């Protein structure tokens, strides 16, 4: 596993479970939160302060961050607290892009904006709620897979209103299931893999980021109708207990297959974890250009 201090970016999730889309197998578990919320400006400021000395960039994401009721103030806070514009990053699906475009470009360099409207027909997501502990019986194989999880190796640590987490998927699960993270205090991000095994034990067994599962259509953010998530039985029960609206509506499919070492070797062929689209976009114009070929 990668030490947190080697992350190229650490995310601050300002819109926890709040989005105007409803993608299938959303990496932020949108649709399962009973009470989506927004991080306070005071908590955002404390999150930024906790990253003093971190050599990478600081990201602003959600959910959909532009849904934040004080989004302009959030952007102003990022500009004030992080003087170097090149150290700020932003993830959006484009909600109220026309309203906030000028402020967004004032705050973030174009090549530090990840714009994904989820309108592309070939958009896909890998399921992340198929618990590896339910699918892989061999504990040594399970540990090997978790130690080499491509999401932990390439994605980011994250801060939510519940605390700090070594992995942004763990952060989303913590928010979803009410599992606190570490205190957001200076230097938390200096943890090595040996020092964040508490969170590995809490979250990784319930996740499928380390499994070479097939990717499914994101349903263009729900524009094609209700979307279904692929979930293992144990996680279905956990989601029922915490009152997931998506599970209550029956918008899920159960993955109840076991995977052997041979199955995993076979599924690795053609596996492209974290690859959800075939191009990078920084604005709606980039999406239009891509759709024109």
C-alpha atoms as a PDB file:
ATOM      1  CA  UNK A   1       0.000   0.000   0.000  1.00  0.00           C
ATOM      2  CA  UNK A   2       1.021   3.597  -0.564  1.00  0.00           C
ATOM      3  CA  UNK A   3       1.813   5.952   2.339  1.00  0.00           C
ATOM      4  CA  UNK A   4      -0.660   8.816   2.515  1.00  0.00           C
ATOM      5  CA  UNK A   5       2.092  11.412   2.173  1.00  0.00           C
ATOM      6  CA  UNK A   6       2.864  10.019  -1.294  1.00  0.00           C
ATOM      7  CA  UNK A   7      -0.626  10.888  -2.596  1.00  0.00           C
ATOM      8  CA  UNK A   8      -0.562  13.383  -5.428  1.00  0.00           C
ATOM      9  CA  UNK A   9      -3.797  14.912  -4.083  1.00  0.00           C
ATOM     10  CA  UNK A  10      -5.845  14.691  -0.895  1.00  0.00           C
ATOM     11  CA  UNK A  11      -9.555  15.339  -1.264  1.00  0.00           C
ATOM     12  CA  UNK A  12     -11.895  17.449   0.844  1.00  0.00           C
ATOM     13  CA  UNK A  13     -15.441  16.134   0.365  1.00  0.00           C
ATOM     14  CA  UNK A  14     -17.637  19.215   0.790  1.00  0.00           C
ATOM     15  CA  UNK A  15     -20.887  17.618  -0.496  1.00  0.00           C
ATOM     16  CA  UNK A  16     -21.262  14.309   1.289  1.00  0.00           C
ATOM     17  CA  UNK A  17     -23.773  12.099  -0.491  1.00  0.00           C
ATOM     18  CA  UNK A  18     -25.325  15.080  -2.285  1.00  0.00           C
ATOM     19  CA  UNK A  19     -25.535  14.961  -6.094  1.00  0.00           C
ATOM     20  CA  UNK A  20     -28.049  15.810  -8.801  1.00  0.00           C
ATOM     21  CA  UNK A  21     -27.209  12.556 -10.618  1.00  0.00           C
ATOM     22  CA  UNK A  22     -27.829   8.927  -9.666  1.00  0.00           C
ATOM     23  CA  UNK A  23     -25.141   6.892 -11.421  1.00  0.00           C
ATOM     24  CA  UNK A  24     -25.056   3.124 -11.129  1.00  0.00           C
ATOM     25  CA  UNK A  25     -22.277   1.977  -8.791  1.00  0.00           C
ATOM     26  CA  UNK A  26     -21.320   5.534  -7.934  1.00  0.00           C
ATOM     27  CA  UNK A  27     -17.870   5.775  -6.389  1.00  0.00           C
ATOM     28  CA  UNK A  28     -19.379   8.121  -3.787  1.00  0.00           C
ATOM     29  CA  UNK A  29     -22.309   5.775  -3.041  1.00  0.00           C
ATOM     30  CA  UNK A  30     -24.844   8.392  -4.099  1.00  0.00           C
ATOM     31  CA  UNK A  31     -28.418   7.260  -3.551  1.00  0.00           C
ATOM     32  CA  UNK A  32     -27.715   5.331  -0.348  1.00  0.00           C
ATOM     33  CA  UNK A  33     -27.466   8.302   2.036  1.00  0.00           C
ATOM     34  CA  UNK A  34     -30.604   9.102   4.001  1.00  0.00           C
ATOM     35  CA  UNK A  35     -29.401  12.594   4.886  1.00  0.00           C
ATOM     36  CA  UNK A  36     -26.866  14.007   2.424  1.00  0.00           C
ATOM     37  CA  UNK A  37     -25.037  16.961   3.873  1.00  0.00           C
ATOM     38  CA  UNK A  38     -22.529  19.720   3.281  1.00  0.00           C
ATOM     39  CA  UNK A  39     -19.297  20.464   5.081  1.00  0.00           C
ATOM     40  CA  UNK A  40     -19.273  23.719   7.039  1.00  0.00           C
ATOM     41  CA  UNK A  41     -16.852  26.460   6.060  1.00  0.00           C
ATOM     42  CA  UNK A  42     -15.166  26.107   9.456  1.00  0.00           C
ATOM     43  CA  UNK A  43     -14.572  22.388   8.856  1.00  0.00           C
ATOM     44  CA  UNK A  44     -13.276  23.054   5.341  1.00  0.00           C
ATOM     45  CA  UNK A  45     -10.844  25.627   6.725  1.00  0.00           C
ATOM     46  CA  UNK A  46      -9.662  23.157   9.387  1.00  0.00           C
ATOM     47  CA  UNK A  47      -9.244  20.462   6.729  1.00  0.00           C
ATOM     48  CA  UNK A  48      -7.053  22.720   4.611  1.00  0.00           C
ATOM     49  CA  UNK A  49      -5.039  23.768   7.664  1.00  0.00           C
ATOM     50  CA  UNK A  50      -4.426  20.108   8.563  1.00  0.00           C
ATOM     51  CA  UNK A  51      -2.642  19.641   5.227  1.00  0.00           C
ATOM     52  CA  UNK A  52       0.026  22.268   5.857  1.00  0.00           C
ATOM     53  CA  UNK A  53       3.325  20.847   4.638  1.00  0.00           C
ATOM     54  CA  UNK A  54       1.713  18.277   2.359  1.00  0.00           C
ATOM     55  CA  UNK A  55       3.644  18.367  -0.928  1.00  0.00           C
ATOM     56  CA  UNK A  56       0.728  17.324  -3.148  1.00  0.00           C
ATOM     57  CA  UNK A  57      -2.438  19.100  -4.185  1.00  0.00           C
ATOM     58  CA  UNK A  58      -5.681  19.696  -2.291  1.00  0.00           C
ATOM     59  CA  UNK A  59      -8.922  18.681  -3.994  1.00  0.00           C
ATOM     60  CA  UNK A  60     -12.465  19.992  -3.705  1.00  0.00           C
ATOM     61  CA  UNK A  61     -15.040  17.303  -4.491  1.00  0.00           C
ATOM     62  CA  UNK A  62     -18.340  15.666  -3.514  1.00  0.00           C
ATOM     63  CA  UNK A  63     -20.922  14.338  -4.339  1.00  0.00           C
ATOM     64  CA  UNK A  64     -21.430  17.388  -6.476  1.00  0.00           C
ATOM     65  CA  UNK A  65     -19.544  20.250  -4.815  1.00  0.00           C
ATOM     66  CA  UNK A  66     -21.426  23.014  -6.637  1.00  0.00           C
ATOM     67  CA  UNK A  67     -24.573  21.996  -4.740  1.00  0.00           C
ATOM     68  CA  UNK A  68     -22.981  23.396  -1.586  1.00  0.00           C
ATOM     69  CA  UNK A  69     -25.233  26.273  -0.453  1.00  0.00           C
ATOM     70  CA  UNK A  70     -22.169  28.477   0.063  1.00  0.00           C
ATOM     71  CA  UNK A  71     -20.132  27.313  -2.896  1.00  0.00           C
ATOM     72  CA  UNK A  72     -18.823  30.784  -3.779  1.00  0.00           C
ATOM     73  CA  UNK A  73     -17.566  31.141  -0.225  1.00  0.00           C
ATOM     74  CA  UNK A  74     -15.920  27.699  -0.486  1.00  0.00           C
ATOM     75  CA  UNK A  75     -14.033  28.824  -3.591  1.00  0.00           C
ATOM     76  CA  UNK A  76     -12.969  32.045  -1.901  1.00  0.00           C
ATOM     77  CA  UNK A  77     -11.723  29.998   1.054  1.00  0.00           C
ATOM     78  CA  UNK A  78      -9.648  27.760  -1.243  1.00  0.00           C
ATOM     79  CA  UNK A  79      -8.101  30.826  -2.880  1.00  0.00           C
ATOM     80  CA  UNK A  80      -7.298  32.441   0.465  1.00  0.00           C
ATOM     81  CA  UNK A  81      -6.040  29.339   2.261  1.00  0.00           C
ATOM     82  CA  UNK A  82      -4.072  27.846  -0.651  1.00  0.00           C
ATOM     83  CA  UNK A  83      -2.200  30.739  -2.311  1.00  0.00           C
ATOM     84  CA  UNK A  84      -0.602  28.536  -4.989  1.00  0.00           C
ATOM     85  CA  UNK A  85      -3.318  27.984  -7.604  1.00  0.00           C
ATOM     86  CA  UNK A  86      -1.464  24.960  -8.988  1.00  0.00           C
ATOM     87  CA  UNK A  87      -2.014  23.149  -5.672  1.00  0.00           C
ATOM     88  CA  UNK A  88      -5.829  23.240  -5.967  1.00  0.00           C
ATOM     89  CA  UNK A  89      -7.969  20.650  -7.810  1.00  0.00           C
ATOM     90  CA  UNK A  90     -11.679  20.365  -8.542  1.00  0.00           C
ATOM     91  CA  UNK A  91     -14.135  17.577  -9.479  1.00  0.00           C
ATOM     92  CA  UNK A  92     -17.603  18.342 -10.872  1.00  0.00           C
ATOM     93  CA  UNK A  93     -20.428  16.943 -12.956  1.00  0.00           C
ATOM     94  CA  UNK A  94     -21.286  20.441 -14.142  1.00  0.00           C
ATOM     95  CA  UNK A  95     -24.202  21.535 -11.983  1.00  0.00           C
ATOM     96  CA  UNK A  96     -24.743  25.293 -12.480  1.00  0.00           C
ATOM     97  CA  UNK A  97     -21.589  25.449 -14.583  1.00  0.00           C
ATOM     98  CA  UNK A  98     -22.744  28.646 -16.289  1.00  0.00           C
ATOM     99  CA  UNK A  99     -23.334  30.278 -12.904  1.00  0.00           C
ATOM    100  CA  UNK A 100     -19.962  29.377 -11.399  1.00  0.00           C
ATOM    101  CA  UNK A 101     -17.705  29.038 -14.442  1.00  0.00           C
ATOM    102  CA  UNK A 102     -15.775  32.290 -13.947  1.00  0.00           C
ATOM    103  CA  UNK A 103     -15.215  31.644 -10.234  1.00  0.00           C
ATOM    104  CA  UNK A 104     -14.152  28.061 -10.923  1.00  0.00           C
ATOM    105  CA  UNK A 105     -11.559  29.123 -13.480  1.00  0.00           C
ATOM    106  CA  UNK A 106     -10.389  31.883 -11.132  1.00  0.00           C
ATOM    107  CA  UNK A 107      -9.825  29.252  -8.447  1.00  0.00           C
ATOM    108  CA  UNK A 108      -8.495  26.280 -10.430  1.00  0.00           C
ATOM    109  CA  UNK A 109      -6.156  25.892 -13.383  1.00  0.00           C
ATOM    110  CA  UNK A 110      -7.916  24.340 -16.352  1.00  0.00           C
ATOM    111  CA  UNK A 111      -5.813  21.185 -16.180  1.00  0.00           C
ATOM    112  CA  UNK A 112      -6.741  20.774 -12.501  1.00  0.00           C
ATOM    113  CA  UNK A 113     -10.472  20.529 -13.216  1.00  0.00           C
ATOM    114  CA  UNK A 114     -12.061  17.102 -13.749  1.00  0.00           C
ATOM    115  CA  UNK A 115     -15.396  17.687 -15.479  1.00  0.00           C
ATOM    116  CA  UNK A 116     -17.593  14.634 -15.987  1.00  0.00           C
ATOM    117  CA  UNK A 117     -21.251  15.293 -16.824  1.00  0.00           C
ATOM    118  CA  UNK A 118     -21.917  11.538 -17.198  1.00  0.00           C
ATOM    119  CA  UNK A 119     -23.641  12.097 -20.507  1.00  0.00           C
ATOM    120  CA  UNK A 120     -21.297   9.847 -22.478  1.00  0.00           C
ATOM    121  CA  UNK A 121     -22.899   6.592 -23.620  1.00  0.00           C
ATOM    122  CA  UNK A 122     -19.790   4.559 -22.741  1.00  0.00           C
ATOM    123  CA  UNK A 123     -19.373   5.778 -19.145  1.00  0.00           C
ATOM    124  CA  UNK A 124     -18.775   2.910 -16.710  1.00  0.00           C
ATOM    125  CA  UNK A 125     -18.227   2.280 -13.017  1.00  0.00           C
ATOM    126  CA  UNK A 126     -16.825  -0.730 -11.232  1.00  0.00           C
ATOM    127  CA  UNK A 127     -18.957  -1.866  -8.261  1.00  0.00           C
ATOM    128  CA  UNK A 128     -17.383  -0.967  -4.927  1.00  0.00           C
ATOM    129  CA  UNK A 129     -19.928  -2.519  -2.539  1.00  0.00           C
ATOM    130  CA  UNK A 130     -19.146  -6.167  -3.251  1.00  0.00           C
ATOM    131  CA  UNK A 131     -17.387  -7.059  -0.003  1.00  0.00           C
ATOM    132  CA  UNK A 132     -14.149  -8.893  -0.762  1.00  0.00           C
ATOM    133  CA  UNK A 133     -14.502 -10.764   2.536  1.00  0.00           C
ATOM    134  CA  UNK A 134     -17.732 -12.282   1.193  1.00  0.00           C
ATOM    135  CA  UNK A 135     -16.288 -13.170  -2.203  1.00  0.00           C
ATOM    136  CA  UNK A 136     -12.718 -14.395  -1.575  1.00  0.00           C
ATOM    137  CA  UNK A 137     -12.486 -17.122   1.071  1.00  0.00           C
ATOM    138  CA  UNK A 138      -8.686 -17.474   1.086  1.00  0.00           C
ATOM    139  CA  UNK A 139      -7.412 -14.929   3.682  1.00  0.00           C
ATOM    140  CA  UNK A 140      -3.910 -14.809   2.204  1.00  0.00           C
ATOM    141  CA  UNK A 141      -5.237 -14.085  -1.287  1.00  0.00           C
ATOM    142  CA  UNK A 142      -7.608 -11.500   0.152  1.00  0.00           C
ATOM    143  CA  UNK A 143      -4.748  -9.730   1.921  1.00  0.00           C
ATOM    144  CA  UNK A 144      -2.594  -9.821  -1.221  1.00  0.00           C
ATOM    145  CA  UNK A 145      -5.371  -8.223  -3.250  1.00  0.00           C
ATOM    146  CA  UNK A 146      -6.088  -5.549  -0.647  1.00  0.00           C
ATOM    147  CA  UNK A 147      -2.396  -4.695  -0.277  1.00  0.00           C
ATOM    148  CA  UNK A 148      -2.279  -4.096  -4.037  1.00  0.00           C
ATOM    149  CA  UNK A 149      -5.610  -2.293  -4.445  1.00  0.00           C
ATOM    150  CA  UNK A 150      -5.357  -0.076  -7.565  1.00  0.00           C
ATOM    151  CA  UNK A 151      -7.706   2.524  -6.102  1.00  0.00           C
ATOM    152  CA  UNK A 152      -5.614   3.026  -2.960  1.00  0.00           C
ATOM    153  CA  UNK A 153      -2.503   3.111  -5.143  1.00  0.00           C
ATOM    154  CA  UNK A 154      -3.809   5.773  -7.536  1.00  0.00           C
ATOM    155  CA  UNK A 155      -6.674   7.643  -5.900  1.00  0.00           C
ATOM    156  CA  UNK A 156      -6.596   9.846  -2.841  1.00  0.00           C
ATOM    157  CA  UNK A 157      -6.882  10.052   0.890  1.00  0.00           C
ATOM    158  CA  UNK A 158      -9.874  12.138   1.916  1.00  0.00           C
ATOM    159  CA  UNK A 159     -11.393  14.340   4.599  1.00  0.00           C
ATOM    160  CA  UNK A 160     -15.117  14.404   5.396  1.00  0.00           C
ATOM    161  CA  UNK A 161     -17.052  15.936   8.269  1.00  0.00           C
ATOM    162  CA  UNK A 162     -16.530  12.600  10.072  1.00  0.00           C
ATOM    163  CA  UNK A 163     -12.745  12.832   9.931  1.00  0.00           C
ATOM    164  CA  UNK A 164      -9.749  11.866   7.812  1.00  0.00           C
ATOM    165  CA  UNK A 165      -9.359   8.586   5.900  1.00  0.00           C
ATOM    166  CA  UNK A 166      -6.483   6.840   4.129  1.00  0.00           C
ATOM    167  CA  UNK A 167      -8.629   6.235   1.014  1.00  0.00           C
ATOM    168  CA  UNK A 168     -11.461   8.228  -0.531  1.00  0.00           C
ATOM    169  CA  UNK A 169     -13.602   5.089  -0.925  1.00  0.00           C
ATOM    170  CA  UNK A 170     -13.112   4.379   2.786  1.00  0.00           C
ATOM    171  CA  UNK A 171     -14.104   8.000   3.446  1.00  0.00           C
ATOM    172  CA  UNK A 172     -17.293   7.579   1.446  1.00  0.00           C
ATOM    173  CA  UNK A 173     -18.079   4.331   3.283  1.00  0.00           C
ATOM    174  CA  UNK A 174     -17.370   6.009   6.598  1.00  0.00           C
ATOM    175  CA  UNK A 175     -19.815   8.765   5.770  1.00  0.00           C
ATOM    176  CA  UNK A 176     -22.380   6.233   4.571  1.00  0.00           C
ATOM    177  CA  UNK A 177     -22.173   3.834   7.518  1.00  0.00           C
ATOM    178  CA  UNK A 178     -21.393   6.401  10.216  1.00  0.00           C
ATOM    179  CA  UNK A 179     -17.834   5.214  10.921  1.00  0.00           C
ATOM    180  CA  UNK A 180     -15.637   8.064  12.197  1.00  0.00           C
ATOM    181  CA  UNK A 181     -12.250   8.767  10.675  1.00  0.00           C
ATOM    182  CA  UNK A 182      -9.142  10.077  12.396  1.00  0.00           C
ATOM    183  CA  UNK A 183      -9.146  13.540  13.964  1.00  0.00           C
ATOM    184  CA  UNK A 184      -8.428  16.190  11.347  1.00  0.00           C
ATOM    185  CA  UNK A 185      -5.287  17.561  12.899  1.00  0.00           C
ATOM    186  CA  UNK A 186      -1.931  18.703  11.511  1.00  0.00           C
ATOM    187  CA  UNK A 187       0.189  15.869  10.166  1.00  0.00           C
ATOM    188  CA  UNK A 188      -2.492  13.148  10.020  1.00  0.00           C
ATOM    189  CA  UNK A 189      -1.498  12.625   6.387  1.00  0.00           C
ATOM    190  CA  UNK A 190       2.014  11.477   7.351  1.00  0.00           C
ATOM    191  CA  UNK A 191       0.725   7.984   8.196  1.00  0.00           C
ATOM    192  CA  UNK A 192       2.410   4.956   6.650  1.00  0.00           C
ATOM    193  CA  UNK A 193       0.603   1.700   5.761  1.00  0.00           C
ATOM    194  CA  UNK A 194       1.658   0.226   9.108  1.00  0.00           C
ATOM    195  CA  UNK A 195      -0.004   3.178  10.826  1.00  0.00           C
ATOM    196  CA  UNK A 196      -3.350   3.031   9.008  1.00  0.00           C
ATOM    197  CA  UNK A 197      -4.119  -0.657   9.371  1.00  0.00           C
ATOM    198  CA  UNK A 198      -6.981   0.268  11.715  1.00  0.00           C
ATOM    199  CA  UNK A 199      -8.863   1.722   8.742  1.00  0.00           C
ATOM    200  CA  UNK A 200      -7.779  -1.079   6.415  1.00  0.00           C
ATOM    201  CA  UNK A 201      -9.409  -3.523   8.836  1.00  0.00           C
ATOM    202  CA  UNK A 202     -12.541  -1.381   9.133  1.00  0.00           C
ATOM    203  CA  UNK A 203     -13.176  -0.763   5.447  1.00  0.00           C
ATOM    204  CA  UNK A 204     -11.239  -2.870   2.963  1.00  0.00           C
ATOM    205  CA  UNK A 205     -13.023  -6.137   3.690  1.00  0.00           C
ATOM    206  CA  UNK A 206     -16.359  -4.476   2.860  1.00  0.00           C
ATOM    207  CA  UNK A 207     -15.089  -2.989  -0.435  1.00  0.00           C
ATOM    208  CA  UNK A 208     -14.443  -4.423  -3.899  1.00  0.00           C
ATOM    209  CA  UNK A 209     -11.904  -1.944  -5.205  1.00  0.00           C
ATOM    210  CA  UNK A 210      -9.226  -4.634  -4.978  1.00  0.00           C
ATOM    211  CA  UNK A 211     -11.267  -7.131  -7.016  1.00  0.00           C
ATOM    212  CA  UNK A 212     -11.093  -7.295 -10.838  1.00  0.00           C
ATOM    213  CA  UNK A 213     -14.859  -7.031 -11.258  1.00  0.00           C
ATOM    214  CA  UNK A 214     -16.518  -6.081 -14.549  1.00  0.00           C
ATOM    215  CA  UNK A 215     -17.463  -2.432 -15.015  1.00  0.00           C
ATOM    216  CA  UNK A 216     -21.109  -1.577 -15.621  1.00  0.00           C
ATOM    217  CA  UNK A 217     -22.746   1.321 -17.445  1.00  0.00           C
ATOM    218  CA  UNK A 218     -23.207   4.310 -15.182  1.00  0.00           C
ATOM    219  CA  UNK A 219     -26.662   4.801 -16.706  1.00  0.00           C
ATOM    220  CA  UNK A 220     -25.660   8.303 -17.793  1.00  0.00           C
ATOM    221  CA  UNK A 221     -26.230   9.528 -14.279  1.00  0.00           C
ATOM    222  CA  UNK A 222     -29.741   8.123 -14.116  1.00  0.00           C
ATOM    223  CA  UNK A 223     -30.862   9.805 -17.328  1.00  0.00           C
ATOM    224  CA  UNK A 224     -31.710   6.382 -18.766  1.00  0.00           C
ATOM    225  CA  UNK A 225     -34.001   5.530 -15.847  1.00  0.00           C
ATOM    226  CA  UNK A 226     -33.442   4.132 -12.345  1.00  0.00           C
ATOM    227  CA  UNK A 227     -29.961   2.701 -11.913  1.00  0.00           C
ATOM    228  CA  UNK A 228     -28.980  -0.429 -10.025  1.00  0.00           C
ATOM    229  CA  UNK A 229     -25.893  -1.017  -7.913  1.00  0.00           C
ATOM    230  CA  UNK A 230     -24.175  -4.396  -7.697  1.00  0.00           C
ATOM    231  CA  UNK A 231     -23.839  -5.272  -3.988  1.00  0.00           C
ATOM    232  CA  UNK A 232     -22.862  -8.347  -1.972  1.00  0.00           C
ATOM    233  CA  UNK A 233     -25.447  -9.829   0.423  1.00  0.00           C
ATOM    234  CA  UNK A 234     -23.768  -8.645   3.629  1.00  0.00           C
ATOM    235  CA  UNK A 235     -23.551  -5.080   2.382  1.00  0.00           C
ATOM    236  CA  UNK A 236     -27.187  -5.215   1.272  1.00  0.00           C
ATOM    237  CA  UNK A 237     -28.126  -6.038   4.858  1.00  0.00           C
ATOM    238  CA  UNK A 238     -25.916  -3.241   6.207  1.00  0.00           C
ATOM    239  CA  UNK A 239     -27.540  -0.779   3.822  1.00  0.00           C
ATOM    240  CA  UNK A 240     -31.019  -1.934   4.793  1.00  0.00           C
ATOM    241  CA  UNK A 241     -30.220  -1.401   8.462  1.00  0.00           C
ATOM    242  CA  UNK A 242     -29.026   2.145   7.903  1.00  0.00           C
ATOM    243  CA  UNK A 243     -32.046   2.936   5.713  1.00  0.00           C
ATOM    244  CA  UNK A 244     -30.569   3.246   2.228  1.00  0.00           C
ATOM    245  CA  UNK A 245     -33.222   4.821  -0.035  1.00  0.00           C
ATOM    246  CA  UNK A 246     -31.772   3.074  -3.088  1.00  0.00           C
ATOM    247  CA  UNK A 247     -31.931  -0.360  -1.484  1.00  0.00           C
ATOM    248  CA  UNK A 248     -35.434   0.360  -0.144  1.00  0.00           C
ATOM    249  CA  UNK A 249     -36.566   0.991  -3.739  1.00  0.00           C
ATOM    250  CA  UNK A 250     -35.010  -2.299  -4.844  1.00  0.00           C
ATOM    251  CA  UNK A 251     -32.501  -0.608  -7.131  1.00  0.00           C
ATOM    252  CA  UNK A 252     -29.716  -3.130  -6.683  1.00  0.00           C
ATOM    253  CA  UNK A 253     -28.517  -6.504  -7.896  1.00  0.00           C
ATOM    254  CA  UNK A 254     -26.941  -9.048  -5.566  1.00  0.00           C
ATOM    255  CA  UNK A 255     -23.485 -10.434  -6.300  1.00  0.00           C
ATOM    256  CA  UNK A 256     -23.337 -13.779  -4.525  1.00  0.00           C
ATOM    257  CA  UNK A 257     -20.531 -15.505  -6.454  1.00  0.00           C
ATOM    258  CA  UNK A 258     -17.331 -16.675  -4.848  1.00  0.00           C
ATOM    259  CA  UNK A 259     -14.077 -15.973  -6.691  1.00  0.00           C
ATOM    260  CA  UNK A 260     -11.107 -18.325  -6.699  1.00  0.00           C
ATOM    261  CA  UNK A 261      -7.511 -17.428  -7.527  1.00  0.00           C
ATOM    262  CA  UNK A 262      -8.126 -18.829 -11.016  1.00  0.00           C
ATOM    263  CA  UNK A 263     -11.256 -16.678 -11.435  1.00  0.00           C
ATOM    264  CA  UNK A 264      -9.326 -13.590 -10.402  1.00  0.00           C
ATOM    265  CA  UNK A 265      -6.491 -14.318 -12.841  1.00  0.00           C
ATOM    266  CA  UNK A 266      -9.044 -14.682 -15.626  1.00  0.00           C
ATOM    267  CA  UNK A 267     -10.914 -11.508 -14.715  1.00  0.00           C
ATOM    268  CA  UNK A 268      -7.684  -9.497 -14.657  1.00  0.00           C
ATOM    269  CA  UNK A 269      -7.477  -9.796 -18.436  1.00  0.00           C
ATOM    270  CA  UNK A 270      -8.761  -6.502 -19.768  1.00  0.00           C
ATOM    271  CA  UNK A 271      -9.444  -5.108 -16.298  1.00  0.00           C
ATOM    272  CA  UNK A 272      -9.154  -1.322 -16.295  1.00  0.00           C
ATOM    273  CA  UNK A 273      -9.850  -0.170 -12.758  1.00  0.00           C
ATOM    274  CA  UNK A 274     -10.454   3.548 -12.307  1.00  0.00           C
ATOM    275  CA  UNK A 275     -11.002   3.996 -16.071  1.00  0.00           C
ATOM    276  CA  UNK A 276     -14.511   5.401 -16.388  1.00  0.00           C
ATOM    277  CA  UNK A 277     -14.253   7.249 -19.709  1.00  0.00           C
ATOM    278  CA  UNK A 278     -12.003   7.418 -22.710  1.00  0.00           C
ATOM    279  CA  UNK A 279     -10.944  11.074 -22.504  1.00  0.00           C
ATOM    280  CA  UNK A 280     -10.275  13.905 -20.068  1.00  0.00           C
ATOM    281  CA  UNK A 281     -12.607  16.901 -19.961  1.00  0.00           C
ATOM    282  CA  UNK A 282     -12.194  20.225 -18.194  1.00  0.00           C
ATOM    283  CA  UNK A 283     -15.451  21.873 -19.303  1.00  0.00           C
ATOM    284  CA  UNK A 284     -18.681  21.193 -21.247  1.00  0.00           C
ATOM    285  CA  UNK A 285     -16.905  22.295 -24.404  1.00  0.00           C
ATOM    286  CA  UNK A 286     -14.483  19.391 -24.052  1.00  0.00           C
ATOM    287  CA  UNK A 287     -17.402  16.962 -23.838  1.00  0.00           C
ATOM    288  CA  UNK A 288     -18.916  18.428 -26.974  1.00  0.00           C
ATOM    289  CA  UNK A 289     -15.619  18.137 -28.834  1.00  0.00           C
ATOM    290  CA  UNK A 290     -15.229  14.506 -27.748  1.00  0.00           C
ATOM    291  CA  UNK A 291     -18.766  13.637 -28.848  1.00  0.00           C
ATOM    292  CA  UNK A 292     -17.981  15.025 -32.302  1.00  0.00           C
ATOM    293  CA  UNK A 293     -15.120  12.543 -32.617  1.00  0.00           C
END
